[in-house]
Amino acid sequence: MFSNIPAMLLVGLVGISAQALADDTPADQPVLTHKQKMHDCMAKQRASNGGMSSQDMRKACENELKTQQDHPSIPATPNNVPPGK
């Protein structure tokens, strides 16, 4: 009878830990404004494409943000090409 107590405690701790980790939902993440998203995108473009002009980076970022807005489930890459293409 007493041999089941440690097992039950372990199961309880695992259940509590899993629930604590599951609280990090996308709804808990801060919502970025268009300007913040554009700033982040431009920084990523500068880091990955140092020789690209600012105007070309801005166009690429505008396309990426539009793609994210139209199809939020498709992740965009720095060149605005969906993975696998």
Protein backbone atom coordinates (compact mmCIF):
# COMPACT_ATOMS: atom_id res chain seq x y z
CA MET A 1 0.00 0.00 0.00
CA PHE A 2 2.76 2.47 0.88
CA SER A 3 4.78 1.59 -2.24
CA ASN A 4 2.26 3.44 -4.45
CA ILE A 5 2.66 6.77 -2.63
CA PRO A 6 5.99 7.79 -4.30
CA ALA A 7 4.57 6.85 -7.70
CA MET A 8 1.44 8.95 -7.10
CA LEU A 9 3.54 11.90 -5.96
CA LEU A 10 5.68 11.63 -9.09
CA VAL A 11 2.60 11.54 -11.33
CA GLY A 12 1.20 14.58 -9.53
CA LEU A 13 4.42 16.55 -9.96
CA VAL A 14 4.63 15.68 -13.65
CA GLY A 15 1.02 16.80 -14.14
CA ILE A 16 1.64 20.12 -12.40
CA SER A 17 4.85 20.71 -14.40
CA ALA A 18 3.11 19.97 -17.70
CA GLN A 19 0.34 22.42 -16.86
CA ALA A 20 2.84 25.13 -15.92
CA LEU A 21 4.66 24.70 -19.23
CA ALA A 22 1.41 24.70 -21.21
CA ASP A 23 0.57 28.21 -20.00
CA ASP A 24 2.88 29.78 -22.62
CA THR A 25 0.22 30.21 -25.26
CA PRO A 26 0.50 32.56 -28.25
CA ALA A 27 -2.18 34.70 -26.62
CA ASP A 28 0.29 35.46 -23.79
CA GLN A 29 2.84 36.87 -26.24
CA PRO A 30 2.85 40.63 -26.77
CA VAL A 31 1.12 41.91 -29.90
CA LEU A 32 3.53 43.74 -32.20
CA THR A 33 2.45 46.78 -34.15
CA HIS A 34 3.07 47.02 -37.89
CA LYS A 35 5.92 49.44 -37.20
CA GLN A 36 7.56 47.02 -34.72
CA LYS A 37 7.19 44.12 -37.16
CA MET A 38 8.70 46.23 -39.92
CA HIS A 39 11.61 47.26 -37.68
CA ASP A 40 12.30 43.61 -36.74
CA CYS A 41 12.08 42.52 -40.37
CA MET A 42 14.46 45.26 -41.51
CA ALA A 43 16.97 44.22 -38.83
CA LYS A 44 16.77 40.59 -40.01
CA GLN A 45 17.19 41.70 -43.63
CA ARG A 46 20.27 43.78 -42.75
CA ALA A 47 21.78 40.83 -40.90
CA SER A 48 21.19 38.33 -43.69
CA ASN A 49 21.55 40.58 -46.77
CA GLY A 50 24.15 43.24 -46.00
CA GLY A 51 24.53 44.32 -49.63
CA MET A 52 20.80 44.84 -50.24
CA SER A 53 19.57 48.43 -50.58
CA SER A 54 17.24 49.86 -47.94
CA GLN A 55 14.51 50.26 -50.53
CA ASP A 56 14.78 46.58 -51.56
CA MET A 57 14.80 45.50 -47.90
CA ARG A 58 11.67 47.60 -47.26
CA LYS A 59 9.89 46.02 -50.25
CA ALA A 60 10.87 42.52 -49.10
CA CYS A 61 9.61 43.26 -45.59
CA GLU A 62 6.35 44.73 -46.85
CA ASN A 63 5.81 41.57 -48.92
CA GLU A 64 6.66 39.37 -45.94
CA LEU A 65 4.28 41.22 -43.62
CA LYS A 66 1.52 41.08 -46.23
CA THR A 67 2.08 37.33 -46.62
CA GLN A 68 1.90 36.87 -42.86
CA GLN A 69 -1.30 38.91 -42.73
CA ASP A 70 -2.93 37.01 -45.62
CA HIS A 71 -1.67 33.55 -44.57
CA PRO A 72 -0.66 33.58 -40.87
CA SER A 73 -0.02 29.82 -40.80
CA ILE A 74 2.72 30.00 -43.47
CA PRO A 75 6.08 31.03 -41.98
CA ALA A 76 8.06 33.38 -44.19
CA THR A 77 11.82 33.26 -44.62
CA PRO A 78 14.13 36.27 -44.95
CA ASN A 79 13.72 36.18 -48.73
CA ASN A 80 9.94 35.84 -48.37
CA VAL A 81 9.97 32.33 -49.85
CA PRO A 82 7.96 29.68 -47.96
CA PRO A 83 10.12 26.78 -46.74
CA GLY A 84 10.58 23.94 -49.23
CA LYS A 85 10.38 26.08 -52.37
